[in-house]
Amino acid sequence: PTPVPTATLSPTQTPVPTHTLLNLVIFLHGIGLAGDNTAPGSNGNMGPLHPQRSVTLTLFDSQNKQVAKIQGLVTFDGAHGDFTGGVDLGGNIPTGSYTAKVSIPSYLTHTITGVLSLISGQTLSAPSFSLVAGDINNDNQLSILDYNILLNCYSDFSPAISCTPQQKQQADITDDGSVNGYD
């Protein structure tokens, strides 16, 4: 008989991650368990119409120079009343200390508390935080301009005065499909 060679297994190395990830837990005022400025942690809409949100993360180095502006997604977690997700920072962010700002349309931009010590190729979880709702025109200010859009879209007892579909969606702070007293 002719000997039949048998396959030999050689050990393989665990692949080293090449991308740095930042996990986020965000409470959006008016939705879930975020509450609002006067009653943080109170109940809001637990069934948002838009359970997935685009988030923009802007990263700054120790010299306060912007080094990245990255898009990611967060998804509503009904069990915890928050939005969670990870932002892939890619493979070009070197190990170091950074500050970060997070923005979601219709909310004020938030600077994450403290310094993020990122290690290239690893995952870091940022401390949870809340975003303040009401920036309807997305200029990163709460002003009379936002209030006027909210009033023009308000339709609790009568039809809206003057409101485009985009303005209605932005003025619907509780994301329940209506612009009313809850907003």
N, C-alpha and C. Protein backbone atom coordinates (compact mmCIF):
# COMPACT_ATOMS: atom_id res chain seq x y z
N PRO A 1 0.84 -1.20 0.00
CA PRO A 1 0.00 0.00 0.00
C PRO A 1 0.87 1.25 0.00
N THR A 2 0.36 2.24 -0.70
CA THR A 2 1.04 3.53 -0.77
C THR A 2 0.59 4.40 0.40
N PRO A 3 1.58 4.97 1.17
CA PRO A 3 1.16 5.82 2.29
C PRO A 3 0.41 7.06 1.80
N VAL A 4 -0.65 7.42 2.49
CA VAL A 4 -1.44 8.61 2.17
C VAL A 4 -1.03 9.72 3.12
N PRO A 5 -0.57 10.86 2.55
CA PRO A 5 -0.17 11.95 3.46
C PRO A 5 -1.38 12.50 4.21
N THR A 6 -1.18 12.85 5.43
CA THR A 6 -2.25 13.46 6.22
C THR A 6 -1.94 14.95 6.39
N ALA A 7 -3.00 15.71 6.43
CA ALA A 7 -2.84 17.15 6.60
C ALA A 7 -2.42 17.45 8.03
N THR A 8 -1.49 18.33 8.16
CA THR A 8 -1.09 18.76 9.49
C THR A 8 -1.58 20.19 9.70
N LEU A 9 -2.10 20.40 10.85
CA LEU A 9 -2.61 21.73 11.17
C LEU A 9 -1.51 22.55 11.82
N SER A 10 -1.37 23.74 11.33
CA SER A 10 -0.40 24.63 11.96
C SER A 10 -1.16 25.75 12.66
N PRO A 11 -0.65 26.23 13.76
CA PRO A 11 -1.36 27.28 14.49
C PRO A 11 -1.47 28.55 13.65
N THR A 12 -2.63 29.20 13.79
CA THR A 12 -2.84 30.47 13.10
C THR A 12 -2.89 31.57 14.15
N GLN A 13 -2.48 32.72 13.74
CA GLN A 13 -2.50 33.85 14.67
C GLN A 13 -3.84 34.55 14.59
N THR A 14 -4.29 35.04 15.72
CA THR A 14 -5.52 35.81 15.77
C THR A 14 -5.27 37.13 15.05
N PRO A 15 -6.17 37.47 14.10
CA PRO A 15 -5.95 38.73 13.40
C PRO A 15 -6.00 39.92 14.35
N VAL A 16 -5.13 40.84 14.12
CA VAL A 16 -5.08 42.06 14.93
C VAL A 16 -6.04 43.08 14.31
N PRO A 17 -6.96 43.63 15.10
CA PRO A 17 -7.87 44.62 14.52
C PRO A 17 -7.08 45.82 13.99
N THR A 18 -7.52 46.32 12.85
CA THR A 18 -6.81 47.44 12.24
C THR A 18 -7.57 48.76 12.42
N HIS A 19 -8.80 48.68 12.89
CA HIS A 19 -9.60 49.89 13.04
C HIS A 19 -9.84 50.17 14.52
N THR A 20 -9.88 51.44 14.83
CA THR A 20 -10.20 51.89 16.18
C THR A 20 -11.70 52.18 16.23
N LEU A 21 -12.37 51.69 17.27
CA LEU A 21 -13.80 51.89 17.42
C LEU A 21 -14.10 52.68 18.68
N LEU A 22 -15.13 53.54 18.60
CA LEU A 22 -15.60 54.28 19.76
C LEU A 22 -17.07 53.96 19.96
N ASN A 23 -17.39 53.30 21.07
CA ASN A 23 -18.78 52.96 21.39
C ASN A 23 -19.45 54.15 22.08
N LEU A 24 -20.69 54.41 21.68
CA LEU A 24 -21.45 55.53 22.22
C LEU A 24 -22.77 55.06 22.82
N VAL A 25 -23.17 55.69 23.92
CA VAL A 25 -24.49 55.53 24.52
C VAL A 25 -25.03 56.94 24.66
N ILE A 26 -26.08 57.25 23.87
CA ILE A 26 -26.60 58.62 23.81
C ILE A 26 -28.08 58.62 24.20
N PHE A 27 -28.42 59.54 25.08
CA PHE A 27 -29.82 59.77 25.44
C PHE A 27 -30.28 61.01 24.69
N LEU A 28 -31.36 60.88 23.90
CA LEU A 28 -31.91 62.00 23.14
C LEU A 28 -33.14 62.54 23.85
N HIS A 29 -33.09 63.80 24.26
CA HIS A 29 -34.22 64.41 24.96
C HIS A 29 -35.52 64.17 24.20
N GLY A 30 -36.54 63.78 24.94
CA GLY A 30 -37.86 63.55 24.37
C GLY A 30 -38.09 62.12 23.94
N ILE A 31 -37.02 61.32 23.89
CA ILE A 31 -37.14 59.93 23.41
C ILE A 31 -36.57 59.00 24.48
N GLY A 32 -37.23 57.89 24.69
CA GLY A 32 -36.74 56.89 25.63
C GLY A 32 -36.72 57.40 27.05
N LEU A 33 -35.61 57.17 27.74
CA LEU A 33 -35.48 57.56 29.15
C LEU A 33 -34.56 58.76 29.34
N ALA A 34 -34.45 59.59 28.31
CA ALA A 34 -33.56 60.75 28.39
C ALA A 34 -34.18 61.91 29.14
N GLY A 35 -35.49 61.97 29.18
CA GLY A 35 -36.14 63.11 29.79
C GLY A 35 -35.84 64.38 29.04
N ASP A 36 -35.62 65.46 29.77
CA ASP A 36 -35.26 66.75 29.17
C ASP A 36 -34.47 67.54 30.20
N ASN A 37 -34.22 68.81 29.94
CA ASN A 37 -33.40 69.61 30.86
C ASN A 37 -34.01 69.73 32.24
N THR A 38 -35.33 69.85 32.32
CA THR A 38 -35.97 70.05 33.61
C THR A 38 -36.24 68.74 34.35
N ALA A 39 -36.33 67.63 33.61
CA ALA A 39 -36.60 66.33 34.24
C ALA A 39 -35.75 65.24 33.59
N PRO A 40 -34.43 65.28 33.80
CA PRO A 40 -33.58 64.26 33.19
C PRO A 40 -33.96 62.87 33.69
N GLY A 41 -33.90 61.91 32.81
CA GLY A 41 -34.21 60.53 33.18
C GLY A 41 -35.68 60.19 33.18
N SER A 42 -36.55 61.15 32.88
CA SER A 42 -37.98 60.84 32.84
C SER A 42 -38.32 60.18 31.50
N ASN A 43 -39.52 59.63 31.45
CA ASN A 43 -39.95 58.91 30.26
C ASN A 43 -40.30 59.83 29.10
N GLY A 44 -39.89 59.41 27.92
CA GLY A 44 -40.28 60.06 26.68
C GLY A 44 -40.92 59.02 25.78
N ASN A 45 -40.90 59.25 24.51
CA ASN A 45 -41.47 58.31 23.55
C ASN A 45 -40.61 57.05 23.49
N MET A 46 -41.17 55.91 23.86
CA MET A 46 -40.43 54.65 23.85
C MET A 46 -40.54 53.91 22.52
N GLY A 47 -41.25 54.48 21.57
CA GLY A 47 -41.38 53.85 20.25
C GLY A 47 -41.09 54.84 19.14
N PRO A 48 -39.86 55.39 19.06
CA PRO A 48 -39.58 56.41 18.04
C PRO A 48 -39.77 55.88 16.62
N LEU A 49 -40.27 56.75 15.75
CA LEU A 49 -40.46 56.39 14.34
C LEU A 49 -39.14 56.18 13.62
N HIS A 50 -38.09 56.80 14.09
CA HIS A 50 -36.76 56.69 13.49
C HIS A 50 -35.81 56.11 14.53
N PRO A 51 -35.79 54.78 14.66
CA PRO A 51 -34.98 54.16 15.71
C PRO A 51 -33.48 54.14 15.41
N GLN A 52 -33.13 54.50 14.20
CA GLN A 52 -31.71 54.57 13.86
C GLN A 52 -31.38 56.01 13.47
N ARG A 53 -30.27 56.53 14.01
CA ARG A 53 -29.88 57.92 13.77
C ARG A 53 -28.44 57.99 13.29
N SER A 54 -28.23 58.92 12.37
CA SER A 54 -26.87 59.20 11.91
C SER A 54 -26.21 60.11 12.92
N VAL A 55 -24.98 59.79 13.29
CA VAL A 55 -24.23 60.58 14.26
C VAL A 55 -22.93 61.02 13.61
N THR A 56 -22.54 62.25 13.88
CA THR A 56 -21.26 62.77 13.39
C THR A 56 -20.34 62.95 14.58
N LEU A 57 -19.17 62.33 14.51
CA LEU A 57 -18.16 62.43 15.56
C LEU A 57 -17.01 63.24 15.01
N THR A 58 -16.69 64.33 15.69
CA THR A 58 -15.54 65.16 15.31
C THR A 58 -14.48 64.98 16.38
N LEU A 59 -13.30 64.57 15.94
CA LEU A 59 -12.19 64.24 16.85
C LEU A 59 -11.11 65.30 16.78
N PHE A 60 -10.62 65.73 17.96
CA PHE A 60 -9.59 66.76 18.06
C PHE A 60 -8.39 66.20 18.82
N ASP A 61 -7.18 66.55 18.36
CA ASP A 61 -5.97 66.09 19.05
C ASP A 61 -5.67 66.99 20.25
N SER A 62 -4.56 66.74 20.92
CA SER A 62 -4.21 67.49 22.13
C SER A 62 -3.92 68.97 21.85
N GLN A 63 -3.70 69.33 20.60
CA GLN A 63 -3.50 70.73 20.22
C GLN A 63 -4.82 71.39 19.79
N ASN A 64 -5.94 70.67 19.99
CA ASN A 64 -7.28 71.09 19.59
C ASN A 64 -7.41 71.25 18.08
N LYS A 65 -6.61 70.51 17.34
CA LYS A 65 -6.69 70.49 15.88
C LYS A 65 -7.61 69.34 15.46
N GLN A 66 -8.59 69.65 14.60
CA GLN A 66 -9.49 68.61 14.12
C GLN A 66 -8.71 67.59 13.30
N VAL A 67 -8.81 66.32 13.70
CA VAL A 67 -8.09 65.27 12.99
C VAL A 67 -9.02 64.33 12.21
N ALA A 68 -10.32 64.35 12.54
CA ALA A 68 -11.26 63.49 11.83
C ALA A 68 -12.68 63.97 12.04
N LYS A 69 -13.50 63.74 11.04
CA LYS A 69 -14.94 63.96 11.14
C LYS A 69 -15.58 62.74 10.49
N ILE A 70 -16.23 61.91 11.32
CA ILE A 70 -16.65 60.58 10.90
C ILE A 70 -18.13 60.38 11.17
N GLN A 71 -18.80 59.75 10.23
CA GLN A 71 -20.21 59.42 10.38
C GLN A 71 -20.34 58.01 10.96
N GLY A 72 -21.37 57.81 11.75
CA GLY A 72 -21.69 56.50 12.29
C GLY A 72 -23.18 56.40 12.51
N LEU A 73 -23.62 55.29 13.05
CA LEU A 73 -25.04 55.07 13.33
C LEU A 73 -25.22 54.64 14.78
N VAL A 74 -26.29 55.13 15.38
CA VAL A 74 -26.71 54.66 16.68
C VAL A 74 -28.15 54.18 16.53
N THR A 75 -28.50 53.17 17.33
CA THR A 75 -29.81 52.54 17.23
C THR A 75 -30.50 52.57 18.59
N PHE A 76 -31.81 52.82 18.57
CA PHE A 76 -32.57 52.90 19.82
C PHE A 76 -32.62 51.55 20.50
N ASP A 77 -32.33 51.54 21.79
CA ASP A 77 -32.38 50.35 22.63
C ASP A 77 -33.56 50.53 23.58
N GLY A 78 -34.69 49.93 23.25
CA GLY A 78 -35.90 50.10 24.03
C GLY A 78 -35.79 49.61 25.46
N ALA A 79 -34.91 48.64 25.72
CA ALA A 79 -34.75 48.12 27.08
C ALA A 79 -34.07 49.14 27.99
N HIS A 80 -33.20 49.96 27.43
CA HIS A 80 -32.47 50.95 28.23
C HIS A 80 -32.91 52.39 27.94
N GLY A 81 -33.72 52.60 26.90
CA GLY A 81 -34.22 53.94 26.60
C GLY A 81 -33.16 54.87 26.06
N ASP A 82 -32.14 54.33 25.38
CA ASP A 82 -31.06 55.15 24.84
C ASP A 82 -30.74 54.71 23.41
N PHE A 83 -29.82 55.43 22.80
CA PHE A 83 -29.32 55.08 21.47
C PHE A 83 -27.88 54.61 21.64
N THR A 84 -27.56 53.45 21.07
CA THR A 84 -26.22 52.90 21.20
C THR A 84 -25.66 52.56 19.83
N GLY A 85 -24.36 52.58 19.74
CA GLY A 85 -23.69 52.20 18.51
C GLY A 85 -22.21 52.52 18.59
N GLY A 86 -21.50 52.04 17.61
CA GLY A 86 -20.07 52.29 17.55
C GLY A 86 -19.72 53.09 16.32
N VAL A 87 -18.75 53.95 16.46
CA VAL A 87 -18.25 54.72 15.32
C VAL A 87 -16.87 54.16 14.97
N ASP A 88 -16.74 53.70 13.74
CA ASP A 88 -15.47 53.17 13.25
C ASP A 88 -14.58 54.34 12.88
N LEU A 89 -13.50 54.51 13.64
CA LEU A 89 -12.58 55.63 13.41
C LEU A 89 -11.55 55.31 12.32
N GLY A 90 -11.61 54.11 11.79
CA GLY A 90 -10.68 53.73 10.74
C GLY A 90 -9.35 53.28 11.29
N GLY A 91 -8.38 53.14 10.42
CA GLY A 91 -7.07 52.66 10.81
C GLY A 91 -6.00 53.73 10.86
N ASN A 92 -6.39 54.99 10.64
CA ASN A 92 -5.39 56.06 10.56
C ASN A 92 -5.32 56.95 11.79
N ILE A 93 -6.08 56.65 12.82
CA ILE A 93 -6.04 57.45 14.04
C ILE A 93 -4.94 56.88 14.94
N PRO A 94 -3.88 57.64 15.17
CA PRO A 94 -2.80 57.11 16.01
C PRO A 94 -3.19 57.07 17.49
N THR A 95 -2.56 56.20 18.23
CA THR A 95 -2.75 56.14 19.67
C THR A 95 -2.46 57.53 20.26
N GLY A 96 -3.34 57.96 21.17
CA GLY A 96 -3.14 59.27 21.77
C GLY A 96 -4.35 59.74 22.53
N SER A 97 -4.28 60.98 22.98
CA SER A 97 -5.36 61.62 23.74
C SER A 97 -6.14 62.55 22.82
N TYR A 98 -7.46 62.45 22.90
CA TYR A 98 -8.33 63.22 22.02
C TYR A 98 -9.53 63.74 22.79
N THR A 99 -10.13 64.80 22.26
CA THR A 99 -11.45 65.24 22.69
C THR A 99 -12.38 65.02 21.50
N ALA A 100 -13.66 64.90 21.79
CA ALA A 100 -14.60 64.58 20.72
C ALA A 100 -15.91 65.32 20.91
N LYS A 101 -16.50 65.71 19.78
CA LYS A 101 -17.83 66.32 19.76
C LYS A 101 -18.74 65.40 18.96
N VAL A 102 -19.97 65.30 19.43
CA VAL A 102 -20.96 64.43 18.80
C VAL A 102 -22.16 65.28 18.40
N SER A 103 -22.64 65.07 17.18
CA SER A 103 -23.85 65.79 16.76
C SER A 103 -24.79 64.85 16.03
N ILE A 104 -26.08 65.12 16.24
CA ILE A 104 -27.18 64.44 15.57
C ILE A 104 -28.14 65.54 15.14
N PRO A 105 -28.66 65.49 13.90
CA PRO A 105 -29.58 66.54 13.45
C PRO A 105 -30.73 66.79 14.44
N SER A 106 -31.06 68.05 14.64
CA SER A 106 -32.12 68.56 15.53
C SER A 106 -31.73 68.58 17.00
N TYR A 107 -30.46 68.29 17.31
CA TYR A 107 -29.95 68.32 18.68
C TYR A 107 -28.71 69.20 18.73
N LEU A 108 -28.46 69.80 19.89
CA LEU A 108 -27.25 70.58 20.06
C LEU A 108 -26.03 69.66 20.11
N THR A 109 -24.93 70.10 19.52
CA THR A 109 -23.68 69.34 19.56
C THR A 109 -23.21 69.23 21.00
N HIS A 110 -22.65 68.08 21.33
CA HIS A 110 -22.19 67.81 22.69
C HIS A 110 -20.71 67.44 22.66
N THR A 111 -19.94 68.02 23.55
CA THR A 111 -18.55 67.63 23.73
C THR A 111 -18.51 66.52 24.77
N ILE A 112 -17.96 65.37 24.40
CA ILE A 112 -17.86 64.25 25.34
C ILE A 112 -16.96 64.68 26.50
N THR A 113 -17.42 64.41 27.72
CA THR A 113 -16.70 64.80 28.92
C THR A 113 -15.35 64.08 29.01
N GLY A 114 -14.32 64.83 29.34
CA GLY A 114 -13.01 64.25 29.57
C GLY A 114 -12.21 64.05 28.29
N VAL A 115 -11.08 63.40 28.48
CA VAL A 115 -10.17 63.13 27.38
C VAL A 115 -10.29 61.66 27.02
N LEU A 116 -10.38 61.36 25.74
CA LEU A 116 -10.45 59.98 25.28
C LEU A 116 -9.04 59.50 25.00
N SER A 117 -8.64 58.44 25.66
CA SER A 117 -7.33 57.84 25.42
C SER A 117 -7.51 56.70 24.43
N LEU A 118 -7.34 57.01 23.16
CA LEU A 118 -7.53 56.01 22.11
C LEU A 118 -6.26 55.23 21.89
N ILE A 119 -6.44 53.93 21.70
CA ILE A 119 -5.32 53.04 21.35
C ILE A 119 -5.65 52.47 19.98
N SER A 120 -4.78 52.72 19.03
CA SER A 120 -5.00 52.30 17.65
C SER A 120 -5.34 50.82 17.59
N GLY A 121 -6.44 50.51 16.89
CA GLY A 121 -6.86 49.13 16.70
C GLY A 121 -7.70 48.57 17.82
N GLN A 122 -8.02 49.38 18.83
CA GLN A 122 -8.82 48.88 19.94
C GLN A 122 -10.15 49.60 20.03
N THR A 123 -11.04 49.09 20.87
CA THR A 123 -12.36 49.67 21.08
C THR A 123 -12.39 50.37 22.43
N LEU A 124 -12.94 51.58 22.44
CA LEU A 124 -13.10 52.36 23.66
C LEU A 124 -14.57 52.73 23.79
N SER A 125 -15.10 52.70 25.00
CA SER A 125 -16.47 53.13 25.25
C SER A 125 -16.44 54.50 25.89
N ALA A 126 -17.12 55.45 25.26
CA ALA A 126 -17.23 56.81 25.83
C ALA A 126 -18.26 56.79 26.94
N PRO A 127 -18.16 57.70 27.91
CA PRO A 127 -19.21 57.80 28.93
C PRO A 127 -20.53 58.21 28.28
N SER A 128 -21.65 57.71 28.82
CA SER A 128 -22.96 58.06 28.25
C SER A 128 -23.23 59.55 28.48
N PHE A 129 -24.07 60.11 27.61
CA PHE A 129 -24.40 61.52 27.69
C PHE A 129 -25.75 61.77 27.03
N SER A 130 -26.30 62.96 27.27
CA SER A 130 -27.58 63.38 26.68
C SER A 130 -27.36 64.49 25.68
N LEU A 131 -28.20 64.49 24.65
CA LEU A 131 -28.21 65.60 23.69
C LEU A 131 -29.49 66.40 23.88
N VAL A 132 -29.36 67.71 23.87
CA VAL A 132 -30.48 68.62 24.07
C VAL A 132 -31.22 68.79 22.75
N ALA A 133 -32.53 68.55 22.78
CA ALA A 133 -33.37 68.65 21.59
C ALA A 133 -33.79 70.10 21.33
N GLY A 134 -34.24 70.36 20.11
CA GLY A 134 -34.84 71.64 19.79
C GLY A 134 -34.11 72.46 18.76
N ASP A 135 -32.96 72.01 18.30
CA ASP A 135 -32.22 72.74 17.26
C ASP A 135 -32.84 72.39 15.91
N ILE A 136 -34.04 72.86 15.69
CA ILE A 136 -34.84 72.46 14.53
C ILE A 136 -34.20 72.88 13.22
N ASN A 137 -33.54 74.04 13.17
CA ASN A 137 -32.93 74.49 11.91
C ASN A 137 -31.45 74.09 11.80
N ASN A 138 -30.95 73.30 12.75
CA ASN A 138 -29.60 72.74 12.72
C ASN A 138 -28.48 73.77 12.61
N ASP A 139 -28.59 74.86 13.40
CA ASP A 139 -27.50 75.85 13.42
C ASP A 139 -26.72 75.78 14.74
N ASN A 140 -26.97 74.73 15.52
CA ASN A 140 -26.33 74.48 16.81
C ASN A 140 -26.61 75.58 17.84
N GLN A 141 -27.82 76.14 17.76
CA GLN A 141 -28.29 77.13 18.73
C GLN A 141 -29.78 76.88 18.96
N LEU A 142 -30.22 77.16 20.16
CA LEU A 142 -31.66 77.18 20.44
C LEU A 142 -32.06 78.64 20.40
N SER A 143 -32.88 79.00 19.42
CA SER A 143 -33.21 80.41 19.24
C SER A 143 -34.67 80.57 18.82
N ILE A 144 -35.04 81.82 18.62
CA ILE A 144 -36.38 82.15 18.17
C ILE A 144 -36.67 81.53 16.80
N LEU A 145 -35.63 81.30 16.00
CA LEU A 145 -35.82 80.67 14.69
C LEU A 145 -36.35 79.25 14.86
N ASP A 146 -35.81 78.50 15.81
CA ASP A 146 -36.30 77.14 16.08
C ASP A 146 -37.73 77.21 16.62
N TYR A 147 -37.97 78.14 17.52
CA TYR A 147 -39.29 78.30 18.12
C TYR A 147 -40.34 78.62 17.06
N ASN A 148 -39.99 79.50 16.11
CA ASN A 148 -40.94 79.86 15.05
C ASN A 148 -41.29 78.65 14.17
N ILE A 149 -40.30 77.82 13.86
CA ILE A 149 -40.59 76.62 13.07
C ILE A 149 -41.50 75.69 13.86
N LEU A 150 -41.21 75.53 15.16
CA LEU A 150 -42.05 74.68 16.00
C LEU A 150 -43.49 75.20 16.03
N LEU A 151 -43.65 76.51 16.19
CA LEU A 151 -45.01 77.08 16.21
C LEU A 151 -45.71 76.91 14.87
N ASN A 152 -44.99 77.10 13.77
CA ASN A 152 -45.59 76.96 12.44
C ASN A 152 -45.99 75.52 12.14
N CYS A 153 -45.33 74.56 12.77
CA CYS A 153 -45.63 73.14 12.55
C CYS A 153 -46.59 72.57 13.58
N TYR A 154 -46.84 73.30 14.64
CA TYR A 154 -47.70 72.83 15.73
C TYR A 154 -49.11 72.56 15.19
N SER A 155 -49.62 71.37 15.48
CA SER A 155 -50.95 71.02 14.95
C SER A 155 -51.72 70.15 15.92
N ASP A 156 -51.70 70.51 17.18
CA ASP A 156 -52.42 69.73 18.18
C ASP A 156 -53.93 69.89 18.04
N PHE A 157 -54.40 71.14 17.88
CA PHE A 157 -55.83 71.40 17.81
C PHE A 157 -56.30 71.88 16.45
N SER A 158 -55.41 72.42 15.66
CA SER A 158 -55.75 72.90 14.32
C SER A 158 -54.59 72.59 13.38
N PRO A 159 -54.81 72.68 12.07
CA PRO A 159 -53.74 72.36 11.13
C PRO A 159 -52.53 73.29 11.29
N ALA A 160 -51.39 72.79 10.89
CA ALA A 160 -50.16 73.59 10.96
C ALA A 160 -50.30 74.84 10.12
N ILE A 161 -49.68 75.94 10.56
CA ILE A 161 -49.76 77.22 9.87
C ILE A 161 -48.99 77.16 8.55
N SER A 162 -47.74 76.81 8.62
CA SER A 162 -46.88 76.77 7.44
C SER A 162 -45.71 75.84 7.78
N CYS A 163 -45.72 74.63 7.23
CA CYS A 163 -44.74 73.64 7.65
C CYS A 163 -44.44 72.66 6.51
N THR A 164 -43.17 72.59 6.13
CA THR A 164 -42.77 71.62 5.11
C THR A 164 -42.63 70.25 5.79
N PRO A 165 -42.66 69.17 5.02
CA PRO A 165 -42.45 67.84 5.61
C PRO A 165 -41.12 67.74 6.37
N GLN A 166 -40.07 68.35 5.85
CA GLN A 166 -38.77 68.31 6.52
C GLN A 166 -38.84 69.06 7.85
N GLN A 167 -39.48 70.23 7.87
CA GLN A 167 -39.61 70.99 9.10
C GLN A 167 -40.45 70.22 10.13
N LYS A 168 -41.51 69.55 9.65
CA LYS A 168 -42.35 68.77 10.56
C LYS A 168 -41.53 67.67 11.22
N GLN A 169 -40.72 66.97 10.44
CA GLN A 169 -39.90 65.90 11.01
C GLN A 169 -38.90 66.45 12.03
N GLN A 170 -38.31 67.60 11.73
CA GLN A 170 -37.33 68.19 12.65
C GLN A 170 -38.00 68.77 13.91
N ALA A 171 -39.22 69.28 13.77
CA ALA A 171 -39.93 69.86 14.91
C ALA A 171 -40.58 68.79 15.79
N ASP A 172 -40.69 67.58 15.28
CA ASP A 172 -41.26 66.47 16.03
C ASP A 172 -40.20 65.91 16.98
N ILE A 173 -39.95 66.64 18.05
CA ILE A 173 -38.87 66.34 18.99
C ILE A 173 -39.03 64.95 19.60
N THR A 174 -40.26 64.54 19.88
CA THR A 174 -40.49 63.23 20.49
C THR A 174 -40.54 62.10 19.46
N ASP A 175 -40.44 62.41 18.18
CA ASP A 175 -40.40 61.43 17.10
C ASP A 175 -41.58 60.46 17.15
N ASP A 176 -42.78 61.05 17.35
CA ASP A 176 -43.99 60.23 17.37
C ASP A 176 -44.91 60.50 16.19
N GLY A 177 -44.48 61.34 15.24
CA GLY A 177 -45.27 61.63 14.06
C GLY A 177 -46.14 62.86 14.15
N SER A 178 -46.20 63.49 15.33
CA SER A 178 -47.02 64.67 15.53
C SER A 178 -46.19 65.79 16.16
N VAL A 179 -46.52 67.01 15.77
CA VAL A 179 -45.93 68.18 16.44
C VAL A 179 -47.03 68.75 17.32
N ASN A 180 -46.88 68.49 18.61
CA ASN A 180 -47.94 68.85 19.54
C ASN A 180 -47.34 69.30 20.87
N GLY A 181 -48.16 69.31 21.90
CA GLY A 181 -47.73 69.77 23.21
C GLY A 181 -46.55 68.99 23.80
N TYR A 182 -46.39 67.75 23.44
CA TYR A 182 -45.26 66.98 23.94
C TYR A 182 -43.92 67.50 23.41
N ASP A 183 -43.98 68.07 22.20
CA ASP A 183 -42.75 68.63 21.62
C ASP A 183 -42.44 69.99 22.22
